Amino acid sequence: MKRFNENITQVTKALQALLDEENLQSFKEILIDIRHVTRILATNTEQINTIIRNSAEASAQFVPSIKSGEEILRTMNNQILPAVSKAMLNLEIITNNLSAVSREIKDNPAVIIRGKTEQPLGPGEK
């Protein structure tokens, strides 16, 4: 029984140390803050519900937008990018041809007037 009394005395001292004036004041402030937050939530319940509903509706609309974006990307990969790649290849061929013509004109400007085909040999030419 003596040991039981000692244990009760230790628990009582621990509780008294825990519940000193400063801690009790802090606990009261916490309860006041909780009451304040609870009142704000209770006052704004309708607004909070509206925000939650609007968020749910917005998310529901977001999913089709993502799917639409995926479809656009798929179309670009399957149709637009191959067409652009082919156009770039054609542009490279055209650029190479223009470079060859430009070199030819630079080497022999008369090709503009006479053309590229060789002219028949004149008298005395073999």
Protein backbone atom coordinates (compact mmCIF):
# COMPACT_ATOMS: atom_id res chain seq x y z
CA MET A 1 0.00 0.00 0.00
CA LYS A 2 2.89 2.32 0.75
CA ARG A 3 4.19 1.82 -2.76
CA PHE A 4 0.76 2.62 -4.20
CA ASN A 5 0.68 5.87 -2.23
CA GLU A 6 4.17 6.76 -3.52
CA ASN A 7 3.06 6.13 -7.09
CA ILE A 8 -0.07 8.26 -6.62
CA THR A 9 2.07 11.00 -5.10
CA GLN A 10 4.47 10.89 -8.09
CA VAL A 11 1.58 11.03 -10.55
CA THR A 12 0.04 13.93 -8.66
CA LYS A 13 3.34 15.87 -8.69
CA ALA A 14 3.79 15.17 -12.41
CA LEU A 15 0.28 16.42 -13.12
CA GLN A 16 0.82 19.51 -11.02
CA ALA A 17 4.07 20.24 -12.91
CA LEU A 18 2.32 19.67 -16.22
CA LEU A 19 -0.64 21.81 -15.31
CA ASP A 20 1.27 24.84 -14.09
CA GLU A 21 -0.20 28.30 -14.66
CA GLU A 22 1.60 28.86 -18.01
CA ASN A 23 0.48 25.52 -19.47
CA LEU A 24 -3.09 26.05 -18.28
CA GLN A 25 -3.14 29.47 -19.95
CA SER A 26 -1.76 27.95 -23.20
CA PHE A 27 -4.38 25.21 -23.04
CA LYS A 28 -7.13 27.83 -22.61
CA GLU A 29 -5.81 29.77 -25.61
CA ILE A 30 -5.76 26.61 -27.71
CA LEU A 31 -9.38 25.90 -26.77
CA ILE A 32 -10.36 29.50 -27.63
CA ASP A 33 -8.60 29.19 -31.01
CA ILE A 34 -10.34 25.87 -31.71
CA ARG A 35 -13.70 27.43 -30.83
CA HIS A 36 -12.91 30.38 -33.14
CA VAL A 37 -11.98 28.09 -36.06
CA THR A 38 -15.06 25.96 -35.46
CA ARG A 39 -17.31 29.02 -35.58
CA ILE A 40 -15.67 30.22 -38.80
CA LEU A 41 -16.16 26.79 -40.36
CA ALA A 42 -19.76 26.67 -39.20
CA THR A 43 -20.43 30.16 -40.55
CA ASN A 44 -18.85 29.38 -43.91
CA THR A 45 -20.13 25.85 -44.42
CA GLU A 46 -22.15 26.82 -47.49
CA GLN A 47 -19.17 28.55 -49.09
CA ILE A 48 -16.92 25.60 -48.29
CA ASN A 49 -19.46 23.21 -49.83
CA THR A 50 -19.67 25.44 -52.91
CA ILE A 51 -15.89 25.46 -53.25
CA ILE A 52 -15.79 21.67 -52.95
CA ARG A 53 -18.57 21.27 -55.55
CA ASN A 54 -16.89 23.70 -57.94
CA SER A 55 -13.56 21.92 -57.52
CA ALA A 56 -15.20 18.59 -58.28
CA GLU A 57 -16.88 20.02 -61.39
CA ALA A 58 -13.63 21.64 -62.54
CA SER A 59 -11.76 18.38 -62.13
CA ALA A 60 -14.45 16.56 -64.09
CA GLN A 61 -13.97 19.04 -66.94
CA PHE A 62 -10.19 18.74 -66.70
CA VAL A 63 -10.16 15.05 -67.63
CA PRO A 64 -11.73 15.57 -71.10
CA SER A 65 -9.26 18.40 -71.71
CA ILE A 66 -6.37 16.07 -70.96
CA LYS A 67 -7.85 13.43 -73.28
CA SER A 68 -8.30 16.08 -75.98
CA GLY A 69 -4.68 17.13 -75.54
CA GLU A 70 -3.57 13.51 -75.86
CA GLU A 71 -5.58 13.22 -79.10
CA ILE A 72 -3.96 16.38 -80.45
CA LEU A 73 -0.50 15.01 -79.65
CA ARG A 74 -1.38 11.69 -81.26
CA THR A 75 -2.57 13.50 -84.42
CA MET A 76 0.61 15.55 -84.50
CA ASN A 77 2.76 12.43 -84.17
CA ASN A 78 0.81 10.46 -86.77
CA GLN A 79 -0.01 13.12 -89.37
CA ILE A 80 1.62 16.50 -88.93
CA LEU A 81 5.17 15.48 -87.99
CA PRO A 82 5.53 12.99 -90.88
CA ALA A 83 4.24 15.66 -93.31
CA VAL A 84 6.66 18.24 -91.90
CA SER A 85 9.50 15.71 -92.11
CA LYS A 86 8.67 15.02 -95.77
CA ALA A 87 8.46 18.76 -96.49
CA MET A 88 11.87 19.28 -94.86
CA LEU A 89 13.34 16.47 -96.97
CA ASN A 90 11.86 18.05 -100.13
CA LEU A 91 13.24 21.43 -99.06
CA GLU A 92 16.68 19.87 -98.67
CA ILE A 93 16.47 18.39 -102.17
CA ILE A 94 15.37 21.76 -103.61
CA THR A 95 18.20 23.53 -101.76
CA ASN A 96 20.74 21.04 -103.12
CA ASN A 97 19.39 21.49 -106.65
CA LEU A 98 19.54 25.29 -106.36
CA SER A 99 23.11 25.05 -105.05
CA ALA A 100 24.09 22.91 -108.05
CA VAL A 101 22.46 25.38 -110.48
CA SER A 102 24.13 28.29 -108.70
CA ARG A 103 27.55 26.59 -108.98
CA GLU A 104 26.95 25.84 -112.64
CA ILE A 105 26.01 29.48 -113.38
CA LYS A 106 29.02 30.67 -111.41
CA ASP A 107 31.34 28.36 -113.37
CA ASN A 108 29.74 29.14 -116.75
CA PRO A 109 27.44 32.21 -116.85
CA ALA A 110 26.71 31.57 -120.55
CA VAL A 111 24.61 28.61 -119.48
CA ILE A 112 21.83 31.14 -118.75
CA ILE A 113 21.72 32.18 -122.42
CA ARG A 114 22.76 29.01 -124.26
CA GLY A 115 21.40 26.44 -121.87
CA LYS A 116 23.07 23.37 -120.51
CA THR A 117 22.93 21.18 -123.63
CA GLU A 118 26.08 21.18 -125.64
CA GLN A 119 25.93 23.19 -128.85
CA PRO A 120 26.91 21.44 -132.07
CA LEU A 121 30.51 21.93 -133.01
CA GLY A 122 31.16 24.81 -135.33
CA PRO A 123 33.27 24.71 -138.54
CA GLY A 124 36.80 23.60 -137.75
CA GLU A 125 35.91 22.19 -134.33
CA LYS A 126 36.17 18.56 -133.64
